[in-house]
Amino acid sequence: MRKKVDERIRTLIENGVNSRHRSMFVIIGDKSRDQIVNLHYMLSKAQVKSRPSVLWCYKHKLELSSHMKKRGKQVKKMMQQGLCDAEKADAFSLFAQGGGITYCLYKDSEKVLGNTFGMCILQDFEALQPNLLARTIETVEGGGLVVLLLRSLSSLTSLYTMVMVRKQIQNSYF
């Protein structure tokens, strides 16, 4: 069953495109990649020009292969295991096969500098570093989207505790 996306999300994307500001979304959950298709569709409808290009950054393992035959096998396997249903798999596979997606490892992120993308997806949140975050976000054009994919809410909790520990260390030594 399809759920309607909140109207505020569409409004945020349209306002970002009109004011040429980047919009950032944090999507939590194992099925977060299914929402990427919806966000990309809303962004393409809000922009007057052609379909926005996508930069997909990850640390070790891409959720789906960038090779078309392997991706098809992976989607079939996920459907058999019950991890995704046919409608969502079709939407995501069409999105992935549509082209315009550049896959990049975090360690190779210097190679994308100088390029411009309409949307940036950062898959492994725990592996992000400030310099890496700045490097990838700078490649997104004004009015584009930055999407952080999180497996669980504990990733955000660990970020908060890291900041608190850092402040405690700074206060005690400096």
N, C-alpha and C. Protein backbone atom coordinates (compact mmCIF):
# COMPACT_ATOMS: atom_id res chain seq x y z
N MET A 1 0.84 -1.18 0.00
CA MET A 1 0.00 0.00 0.00
C MET A 1 0.88 1.24 0.00
N ARG A 2 0.61 2.14 -0.92
CA ARG A 2 1.38 3.37 -1.02
C ARG A 2 0.84 4.41 -0.07
N LYS A 3 1.76 5.10 0.60
CA LYS A 3 1.37 6.19 1.48
C LYS A 3 1.71 7.50 0.79
N LYS A 4 0.91 8.49 1.05
CA LYS A 4 1.15 9.80 0.47
C LYS A 4 2.28 10.50 1.22
N VAL A 5 3.17 11.11 0.48
CA VAL A 5 4.28 11.84 1.08
C VAL A 5 3.75 13.15 1.63
N ASP A 6 4.26 13.53 2.78
CA ASP A 6 3.82 14.75 3.45
C ASP A 6 4.00 15.96 2.54
N GLU A 7 3.02 16.81 2.54
CA GLU A 7 3.02 18.00 1.68
C GLU A 7 4.17 18.95 2.03
N ARG A 8 4.61 18.95 3.29
CA ARG A 8 5.70 19.84 3.70
C ARG A 8 7.01 19.48 3.01
N ILE A 9 7.19 18.21 2.68
CA ILE A 9 8.42 17.80 1.99
C ILE A 9 8.44 18.37 0.58
N ARG A 10 7.32 18.26 -0.13
CA ARG A 10 7.24 18.84 -1.47
C ARG A 10 7.44 20.35 -1.43
N THR A 11 6.85 20.99 -0.42
CA THR A 11 6.99 22.44 -0.27
C THR A 11 8.45 22.82 -0.01
N LEU A 12 9.13 22.05 0.84
CA LEU A 12 10.54 22.32 1.13
C LEU A 12 11.40 22.18 -0.13
N ILE A 13 11.13 21.16 -0.92
CA ILE A 13 11.90 20.96 -2.15
C ILE A 13 11.64 22.10 -3.13
N GLU A 14 10.39 22.49 -3.30
CA GLU A 14 10.06 23.58 -4.22
C GLU A 14 10.66 24.90 -3.76
N ASN A 15 10.60 25.19 -2.46
CA ASN A 15 11.20 26.42 -1.94
C ASN A 15 12.72 26.41 -2.14
N GLY A 16 13.36 25.26 -1.95
CA GLY A 16 14.79 25.16 -2.17
C GLY A 16 15.17 25.40 -3.62
N VAL A 17 14.38 24.86 -4.54
CA VAL A 17 14.64 25.07 -5.96
C VAL A 17 14.44 26.53 -6.34
N ASN A 18 13.37 27.14 -5.85
CA ASN A 18 13.09 28.54 -6.18
C ASN A 18 14.13 29.49 -5.60
N SER A 19 14.60 29.23 -4.39
CA SER A 19 15.58 30.12 -3.75
C SER A 19 17.02 29.69 -4.03
N ARG A 20 17.20 28.58 -4.78
CA ARG A 20 18.52 28.05 -5.13
C ARG A 20 19.33 27.68 -3.89
N HIS A 21 18.66 27.14 -2.88
CA HIS A 21 19.31 26.64 -1.67
C HIS A 21 19.25 25.12 -1.67
N ARG A 22 20.28 24.50 -1.14
CA ARG A 22 20.27 23.04 -1.01
C ARG A 22 19.35 22.63 0.12
N SER A 23 18.67 21.52 -0.05
CA SER A 23 17.80 20.97 1.00
C SER A 23 18.41 19.66 1.48
N MET A 24 18.35 19.43 2.79
CA MET A 24 18.92 18.21 3.36
C MET A 24 17.83 17.37 3.99
N PHE A 25 17.86 16.07 3.69
CA PHE A 25 16.92 15.12 4.27
C PHE A 25 17.69 14.00 4.94
N VAL A 26 17.21 13.57 6.08
CA VAL A 26 17.75 12.41 6.78
C VAL A 26 16.66 11.36 6.78
N ILE A 27 16.93 10.21 6.17
CA ILE A 27 15.94 9.14 6.07
C ILE A 27 16.44 7.97 6.92
N ILE A 28 15.59 7.53 7.84
CA ILE A 28 15.97 6.48 8.79
C ILE A 28 15.20 5.20 8.46
N GLY A 29 15.91 4.08 8.47
CA GLY A 29 15.27 2.78 8.29
C GLY A 29 15.93 1.95 7.20
N ASP A 30 15.63 0.66 7.22
CA ASP A 30 16.21 -0.25 6.23
C ASP A 30 15.65 -0.04 4.83
N LYS A 31 14.43 0.44 4.74
CA LYS A 31 13.80 0.64 3.44
C LYS A 31 13.88 2.10 2.99
N SER A 32 14.89 2.79 3.47
CA SER A 32 15.02 4.21 3.15
C SER A 32 15.29 4.46 1.67
N ARG A 33 15.91 3.49 1.00
CA ARG A 33 16.23 3.70 -0.41
C ARG A 33 14.98 3.79 -1.27
N ASP A 34 13.86 3.25 -0.77
CA ASP A 34 12.61 3.34 -1.53
C ASP A 34 12.12 4.78 -1.61
N GLN A 35 12.45 5.58 -0.61
CA GLN A 35 12.01 6.97 -0.60
C GLN A 35 12.88 7.87 -1.48
N ILE A 36 14.05 7.39 -1.83
CA ILE A 36 14.93 8.17 -2.71
C ILE A 36 14.26 8.41 -4.05
N VAL A 37 13.56 7.41 -4.53
CA VAL A 37 12.85 7.53 -5.81
C VAL A 37 11.81 8.64 -5.72
N ASN A 38 11.07 8.70 -4.61
CA ASN A 38 10.06 9.74 -4.44
C ASN A 38 10.69 11.13 -4.37
N LEU A 39 11.78 11.26 -3.62
CA LEU A 39 12.45 12.56 -3.52
C LEU A 39 13.01 13.00 -4.87
N HIS A 40 13.58 12.08 -5.61
CA HIS A 40 14.12 12.41 -6.93
C HIS A 40 13.01 12.83 -7.88
N TYR A 41 11.88 12.16 -7.80
CA TYR A 41 10.74 12.52 -8.65
C TYR A 41 10.24 13.93 -8.31
N MET A 42 10.12 14.22 -7.01
CA MET A 42 9.65 15.56 -6.61
C MET A 42 10.64 16.63 -7.03
N LEU A 43 11.94 16.34 -6.94
CA LEU A 43 12.95 17.30 -7.36
C LEU A 43 12.89 17.53 -8.86
N SER A 44 12.71 16.48 -9.64
CA SER A 44 12.65 16.64 -11.09
C SER A 44 11.40 17.40 -11.52
N LYS A 45 10.30 17.26 -10.78
CA LYS A 45 9.09 18.02 -11.10
C LYS A 45 9.22 19.49 -10.70
N ALA A 46 9.98 19.76 -9.64
CA ALA A 46 10.14 21.14 -9.18
C ALA A 46 11.11 21.92 -10.07
N GLN A 47 12.08 21.23 -10.65
CA GLN A 47 13.04 21.89 -11.53
C GLN A 47 12.48 21.95 -12.94
N VAL A 48 12.82 23.03 -13.64
CA VAL A 48 12.34 23.20 -15.01
C VAL A 48 13.19 22.37 -15.97
N LYS A 49 14.48 22.24 -15.66
CA LYS A 49 15.38 21.55 -16.59
C LYS A 49 15.21 20.04 -16.52
N SER A 50 16.10 19.34 -17.20
CA SER A 50 15.98 17.89 -17.31
C SER A 50 16.21 17.18 -15.98
N ARG A 51 16.14 15.87 -16.05
CA ARG A 51 16.26 15.01 -14.87
C ARG A 51 17.57 15.28 -14.13
N PRO A 52 17.52 15.54 -12.82
CA PRO A 52 18.75 15.83 -12.07
C PRO A 52 19.66 14.60 -11.95
N SER A 53 20.95 14.85 -12.05
CA SER A 53 21.92 13.77 -11.89
C SER A 53 22.10 13.46 -10.41
N VAL A 54 22.58 12.25 -10.11
CA VAL A 54 22.67 11.78 -8.73
C VAL A 54 24.09 11.33 -8.44
N LEU A 55 24.61 11.74 -7.29
CA LEU A 55 25.88 11.24 -6.77
C LEU A 55 25.56 10.35 -5.58
N TRP A 56 25.96 9.09 -5.64
CA TRP A 56 25.68 8.13 -4.57
C TRP A 56 27.01 7.75 -3.94
N CYS A 57 27.24 8.19 -2.70
CA CYS A 57 28.49 7.93 -2.00
C CYS A 57 28.29 6.87 -0.92
N TYR A 58 29.28 6.00 -0.77
CA TYR A 58 29.20 4.93 0.22
C TYR A 58 30.61 4.58 0.66
N LYS A 59 30.72 3.86 1.79
CA LYS A 59 32.04 3.50 2.30
C LYS A 59 32.54 2.19 1.72
N HIS A 60 31.86 1.09 2.02
CA HIS A 60 32.35 -0.22 1.59
C HIS A 60 31.47 -0.87 0.53
N LYS A 61 30.22 -1.07 0.89
CA LYS A 61 29.34 -1.90 0.07
C LYS A 61 28.13 -1.10 -0.38
N LEU A 62 27.93 -1.09 -1.67
CA LEU A 62 26.75 -0.46 -2.23
C LEU A 62 25.58 -1.40 -2.03
N GLU A 63 24.41 -0.86 -1.66
CA GLU A 63 23.25 -1.72 -1.41
C GLU A 63 22.86 -2.51 -2.64
N LEU A 64 22.92 -1.89 -3.79
CA LEU A 64 22.66 -2.59 -5.05
C LEU A 64 23.84 -2.36 -5.98
N SER A 65 24.13 -3.33 -6.78
CA SER A 65 25.27 -3.26 -7.68
C SER A 65 25.04 -2.18 -8.74
N SER A 66 26.12 -1.58 -9.19
CA SER A 66 26.02 -0.60 -10.26
C SER A 66 26.00 -1.28 -11.63
N HIS A 67 26.20 -2.57 -11.67
CA HIS A 67 26.15 -3.35 -12.91
C HIS A 67 24.71 -3.83 -13.12
N MET A 68 24.16 -3.65 -14.31
CA MET A 68 22.73 -3.90 -14.54
C MET A 68 22.32 -5.35 -14.32
N LYS A 69 23.09 -6.31 -14.81
CA LYS A 69 22.70 -7.72 -14.65
C LYS A 69 22.77 -8.14 -13.19
N LYS A 70 23.82 -7.72 -12.50
CA LYS A 70 23.94 -8.05 -11.08
C LYS A 70 22.80 -7.42 -10.29
N ARG A 71 22.46 -6.18 -10.63
CA ARG A 71 21.39 -5.49 -9.93
C ARG A 71 20.07 -6.22 -10.12
N GLY A 72 19.81 -6.71 -11.33
CA GLY A 72 18.58 -7.46 -11.58
C GLY A 72 18.50 -8.72 -10.74
N LYS A 73 19.62 -9.44 -10.63
CA LYS A 73 19.65 -10.64 -9.79
C LYS A 73 19.45 -10.29 -8.32
N GLN A 74 20.06 -9.19 -7.88
CA GLN A 74 19.92 -8.79 -6.48
C GLN A 74 18.48 -8.42 -6.16
N VAL A 75 17.82 -7.73 -7.07
CA VAL A 75 16.42 -7.35 -6.84
C VAL A 75 15.54 -8.60 -6.75
N LYS A 76 15.76 -9.57 -7.65
CA LYS A 76 14.99 -10.82 -7.60
C LYS A 76 15.21 -11.55 -6.28
N LYS A 77 16.46 -11.59 -5.84
CA LYS A 77 16.79 -12.28 -4.59
C LYS A 77 16.13 -11.58 -3.40
N MET A 78 16.15 -10.25 -3.39
CA MET A 78 15.52 -9.50 -2.30
C MET A 78 14.01 -9.71 -2.29
N MET A 79 13.41 -9.82 -3.48
CA MET A 79 11.97 -10.06 -3.55
C MET A 79 11.63 -11.45 -3.03
N GLN A 80 12.46 -12.45 -3.32
CA GLN A 80 12.22 -13.80 -2.83
C GLN A 80 12.36 -13.87 -1.32
N GLN A 81 13.27 -13.10 -0.76
CA GLN A 81 13.47 -13.10 0.69
C GLN A 81 12.42 -12.25 1.40
N GLY A 82 11.65 -11.49 0.65
CA GLY A 82 10.62 -10.66 1.24
C GLY A 82 11.12 -9.33 1.74
N LEU A 83 12.32 -8.92 1.32
CA LEU A 83 12.88 -7.65 1.77
C LEU A 83 12.30 -6.46 1.01
N CYS A 84 11.75 -6.70 -0.16
CA CYS A 84 11.10 -5.61 -0.89
C CYS A 84 10.00 -6.21 -1.76
N ASP A 85 8.95 -5.43 -1.97
CA ASP A 85 7.86 -5.92 -2.80
C ASP A 85 8.09 -5.50 -4.26
N ALA A 86 7.32 -6.08 -5.15
CA ALA A 86 7.54 -5.92 -6.58
C ALA A 86 7.37 -4.48 -7.04
N GLU A 87 6.38 -3.78 -6.50
CA GLU A 87 6.12 -2.41 -6.94
C GLU A 87 7.29 -1.49 -6.59
N LYS A 88 7.78 -1.60 -5.36
CA LYS A 88 8.90 -0.76 -4.94
C LYS A 88 10.18 -1.16 -5.65
N ALA A 89 10.37 -2.44 -5.87
CA ALA A 89 11.57 -2.91 -6.57
C ALA A 89 11.57 -2.39 -8.00
N ASP A 90 10.42 -2.39 -8.64
CA ASP A 90 10.34 -1.88 -10.00
C ASP A 90 10.67 -0.39 -10.04
N ALA A 91 10.14 0.37 -9.09
CA ALA A 91 10.39 1.81 -9.07
C ALA A 91 11.87 2.09 -8.84
N PHE A 92 12.48 1.39 -7.89
CA PHE A 92 13.89 1.63 -7.61
C PHE A 92 14.78 1.14 -8.75
N SER A 93 14.45 -0.01 -9.33
CA SER A 93 15.27 -0.52 -10.43
C SER A 93 15.16 0.40 -11.65
N LEU A 94 13.99 0.94 -11.91
CA LEU A 94 13.85 1.91 -12.99
C LEU A 94 14.67 3.17 -12.71
N PHE A 95 14.66 3.60 -11.46
CA PHE A 95 15.45 4.76 -11.06
C PHE A 95 16.94 4.48 -11.25
N ALA A 96 17.38 3.30 -10.83
CA ALA A 96 18.80 2.95 -10.92
C ALA A 96 19.23 2.73 -12.37
N GLN A 97 18.35 2.16 -13.19
CA GLN A 97 18.70 1.89 -14.58
C GLN A 97 18.56 3.12 -15.47
N GLY A 98 17.88 4.13 -14.97
CA GLY A 98 17.62 5.31 -15.77
C GLY A 98 18.86 6.11 -16.11
N GLY A 99 19.97 5.80 -15.48
CA GLY A 99 21.20 6.52 -15.76
C GLY A 99 21.27 7.81 -14.96
N GLY A 100 22.36 8.49 -15.10
CA GLY A 100 22.54 9.73 -14.38
C GLY A 100 22.99 9.53 -12.94
N ILE A 101 23.32 8.30 -12.55
CA ILE A 101 23.80 8.04 -11.19
C ILE A 101 25.30 7.78 -11.25
N THR A 102 26.04 8.54 -10.46
CA THR A 102 27.47 8.34 -10.33
C THR A 102 27.74 7.74 -8.97
N TYR A 103 28.36 6.56 -8.94
CA TYR A 103 28.68 5.89 -7.68
C TYR A 103 30.10 6.25 -7.29
N CYS A 104 30.32 6.51 -5.99
CA CYS A 104 31.62 6.95 -5.54
C CYS A 104 31.89 6.43 -4.14
N LEU A 105 33.05 5.84 -3.95
CA LEU A 105 33.48 5.46 -2.61
C LEU A 105 33.89 6.72 -1.85
N TYR A 106 33.76 6.70 -0.54
CA TYR A 106 34.16 7.86 0.25
C TYR A 106 35.63 8.19 0.06
N LYS A 107 36.47 7.17 -0.04
CA LYS A 107 37.91 7.42 -0.18
C LYS A 107 38.26 8.02 -1.54
N ASP A 108 37.38 7.87 -2.53
CA ASP A 108 37.61 8.43 -3.86
C ASP A 108 36.82 9.71 -4.11
N SER A 109 36.39 10.36 -3.05
CA SER A 109 35.51 11.52 -3.21
C SER A 109 36.21 12.72 -3.83
N GLU A 110 37.55 12.74 -3.84
CA GLU A 110 38.25 13.86 -4.48
C GLU A 110 37.99 13.87 -5.99
N LYS A 111 37.68 12.71 -6.55
CA LYS A 111 37.48 12.61 -8.00
C LYS A 111 36.21 13.31 -8.47
N VAL A 112 35.25 13.52 -7.58
CA VAL A 112 34.00 14.16 -8.01
C VAL A 112 34.04 15.67 -7.85
N LEU A 113 35.11 16.18 -7.24
CA LEU A 113 35.23 17.63 -7.12
C LEU A 113 35.27 18.27 -8.50
N GLY A 114 34.59 19.37 -8.65
CA GLY A 114 34.51 20.03 -9.94
C GLY A 114 33.28 19.64 -10.73
N ASN A 115 32.62 18.58 -10.34
CA ASN A 115 31.37 18.16 -10.98
C ASN A 115 30.19 18.74 -10.22
N THR A 116 29.06 18.81 -10.88
CA THR A 116 27.85 19.32 -10.25
C THR A 116 26.75 18.29 -10.40
N PHE A 117 26.06 18.03 -9.31
CA PHE A 117 24.97 17.06 -9.29
C PHE A 117 23.72 17.71 -8.74
N GLY A 118 22.58 17.17 -9.10
CA GLY A 118 21.31 17.67 -8.59
C GLY A 118 20.94 17.07 -7.25
N MET A 119 21.50 15.89 -6.96
CA MET A 119 21.14 15.18 -5.74
C MET A 119 22.35 14.38 -5.27
N CYS A 120 22.61 14.38 -3.97
CA CYS A 120 23.71 13.62 -3.39
C CYS A 120 23.15 12.71 -2.30
N ILE A 121 23.48 11.42 -2.38
CA ILE A 121 23.02 10.44 -1.40
C ILE A 121 24.24 9.93 -0.66
N LEU A 122 24.24 10.07 0.65
CA LEU A 122 25.34 9.61 1.50
C LEU A 122 24.86 8.39 2.27
N GLN A 123 25.38 7.23 1.92
CA GLN A 123 24.82 5.97 2.42
C GLN A 123 25.31 5.60 3.81
N ASP A 124 26.59 5.56 4.06
CA ASP A 124 27.12 5.09 5.34
C ASP A 124 27.41 6.27 6.24
N PHE A 125 26.45 6.62 7.07
CA PHE A 125 26.54 7.82 7.90
C PHE A 125 27.67 7.72 8.92
N GLU A 126 27.89 6.52 9.47
CA GLU A 126 28.88 6.35 10.52
C GLU A 126 30.30 6.61 10.01
N ALA A 127 30.53 6.48 8.72
CA ALA A 127 31.86 6.65 8.15
C ALA A 127 32.13 8.09 7.71
N LEU A 128 31.16 8.96 7.84
CA LEU A 128 31.33 10.34 7.38
C LEU A 128 32.30 11.11 8.27
N GLN A 129 33.11 11.92 7.64
CA GLN A 129 34.01 12.83 8.32
C GLN A 129 33.65 14.24 7.86
N PRO A 130 33.97 15.26 8.66
CA PRO A 130 33.59 16.63 8.27
C PRO A 130 34.12 17.05 6.90
N ASN A 131 35.37 16.72 6.59
CA ASN A 131 35.94 17.09 5.31
C ASN A 131 35.22 16.39 4.16
N LEU A 132 34.90 15.14 4.37
CA LEU A 132 34.19 14.34 3.37
C LEU A 132 32.77 14.88 3.14
N LEU A 133 32.13 15.25 4.23
CA LEU A 133 30.78 15.82 4.14
C LEU A 133 30.80 17.12 3.34
N ALA A 134 31.77 17.98 3.62
CA ALA A 134 31.87 19.25 2.90
C ALA A 134 32.18 19.01 1.43
N ARG A 135 33.05 18.07 1.14
CA ARG A 135 33.44 17.77 -0.24
C ARG A 135 32.25 17.31 -1.07
N THR A 136 31.44 16.43 -0.50
CA THR A 136 30.32 15.89 -1.27
C THR A 136 29.17 16.88 -1.38
N ILE A 137 28.90 17.63 -0.32
CA ILE A 137 27.81 18.60 -0.37
C ILE A 137 28.12 19.73 -1.34
N GLU A 138 29.39 20.09 -1.48
CA GLU A 138 29.78 21.15 -2.40
C GLU A 138 29.49 20.79 -3.85
N THR A 139 29.37 19.52 -4.16
CA THR A 139 29.10 19.13 -5.54
C THR A 139 27.62 19.27 -5.91
N VAL A 140 26.76 19.51 -4.93
CA VAL A 140 25.33 19.64 -5.19
C VAL A 140 25.03 21.07 -5.60
N GLU A 141 24.30 21.20 -6.69
CA GLU A 141 23.95 22.53 -7.19
C GLU A 141 22.93 23.20 -6.29
N GLY A 142 22.79 24.50 -6.45
CA GLY A 142 21.78 25.23 -5.70
C GLY A 142 20.40 24.75 -6.07
N GLY A 143 19.58 24.47 -5.09
CA GLY A 143 18.26 23.92 -5.33
C GLY A 143 18.25 22.41 -5.35
N GLY A 144 19.40 21.79 -5.11
CA GLY A 144 19.50 20.33 -5.11
C GLY A 144 19.20 19.73 -3.75
N LEU A 145 19.32 18.41 -3.68
CA LEU A 145 19.02 17.67 -2.44
C LEU A 145 20.25 16.94 -1.94
N VAL A 146 20.41 16.93 -0.62
CA VAL A 146 21.41 16.11 0.05
C VAL A 146 20.63 15.15 0.94
N VAL A 147 20.84 13.84 0.75
CA VAL A 147 20.09 12.83 1.48
C VAL A 147 21.06 11.96 2.28
N LEU A 148 20.83 11.88 3.59
CA LEU A 148 21.61 11.00 4.45
C LEU A 148 20.77 9.76 4.74
N LEU A 149 21.32 8.59 4.47
CA LEU A 149 20.61 7.34 4.75
C LEU A 149 21.14 6.75 6.05
N LEU A 150 20.24 6.54 7.00
CA LEU A 150 20.61 5.96 8.30
C LEU A 150 19.91 4.62 8.46
N ARG A 151 20.61 3.66 9.00
CA ARG A 151 20.00 2.35 9.29
C ARG A 151 19.07 2.45 10.49
N SER A 152 19.52 3.14 11.53
CA SER A 152 18.70 3.22 12.74
C SER A 152 18.92 4.57 13.42
N LEU A 153 18.10 4.84 14.40
CA LEU A 153 18.20 6.10 15.13
C LEU A 153 19.43 6.13 16.02
N SER A 154 20.01 4.99 16.31
CA SER A 154 21.20 4.95 17.16
C SER A 154 22.38 5.68 16.52
N SER A 155 22.38 5.80 15.19
CA SER A 155 23.44 6.54 14.51
C SER A 155 23.41 8.00 14.92
N LEU A 156 22.23 8.58 15.00
CA LEU A 156 22.12 9.97 15.45
C LEU A 156 22.46 10.11 16.91
N THR A 157 22.08 9.13 17.72
CA THR A 157 22.39 9.16 19.14
C THR A 157 23.89 9.11 19.35
N SER A 158 24.58 8.28 18.57
CA SER A 158 26.03 8.20 18.71
C SER A 158 26.69 9.50 18.27
N LEU A 159 26.13 10.19 17.28
CA LEU A 159 26.66 11.48 16.88
C LEU A 159 26.54 12.48 18.02
N TYR A 160 25.40 12.49 18.68
CA TYR A 160 25.17 13.41 19.78
C TYR A 160 26.15 13.12 20.92
N THR A 161 26.36 11.87 21.27
CA THR A 161 27.27 11.54 22.36
C THR A 161 28.71 11.84 21.99
N MET A 162 29.08 11.69 20.71
CA MET A 162 30.44 12.04 20.29
C MET A 162 30.68 13.53 20.46
N VAL A 163 29.68 14.34 20.13
CA VAL A 163 29.81 15.79 20.29
C VAL A 163 29.95 16.14 21.76
N MET A 164 29.17 15.49 22.61
CA MET A 164 29.24 15.77 24.04
C MET A 164 30.60 15.37 24.61
N VAL A 165 31.14 14.23 24.20
CA VAL A 165 32.45 13.80 24.67
C VAL A 165 33.52 14.76 24.19
N ARG A 166 33.41 15.22 22.96
CA ARG A 166 34.39 16.17 22.41
C ARG A 166 34.38 17.46 23.21
N LYS A 167 33.20 17.96 23.56
CA LYS A 167 33.12 19.19 24.35
C LYS A 167 33.72 19.00 25.73
N GLN A 168 33.50 17.82 26.32
CA GLN A 168 34.08 17.56 27.63
C GLN A 168 35.60 17.53 27.56
N ILE A 169 36.15 16.94 26.51
CA ILE A 169 37.60 16.89 26.34
C ILE A 169 38.15 18.29 26.11
N GLN A 170 37.48 19.09 25.30
CA GLN A 170 37.94 20.44 25.04
C GLN A 170 37.93 21.28 26.32
N ASN A 171 36.88 21.14 27.11
CA ASN A 171 36.78 21.92 28.34
C ASN A 171 37.85 21.51 29.35
N SER A 172 38.22 20.25 29.38
CA SER A 172 39.19 19.81 30.38
C SER A 172 40.64 20.13 29.99
N TYR A 173 40.94 20.19 28.70
CA TYR A 173 42.32 20.41 28.28
C TYR A 173 42.59 21.81 27.74
N PHE A 174 41.59 22.52 27.32
CA PHE A 174 41.84 23.83 26.71
C PHE A 174 41.21 24.93 27.47
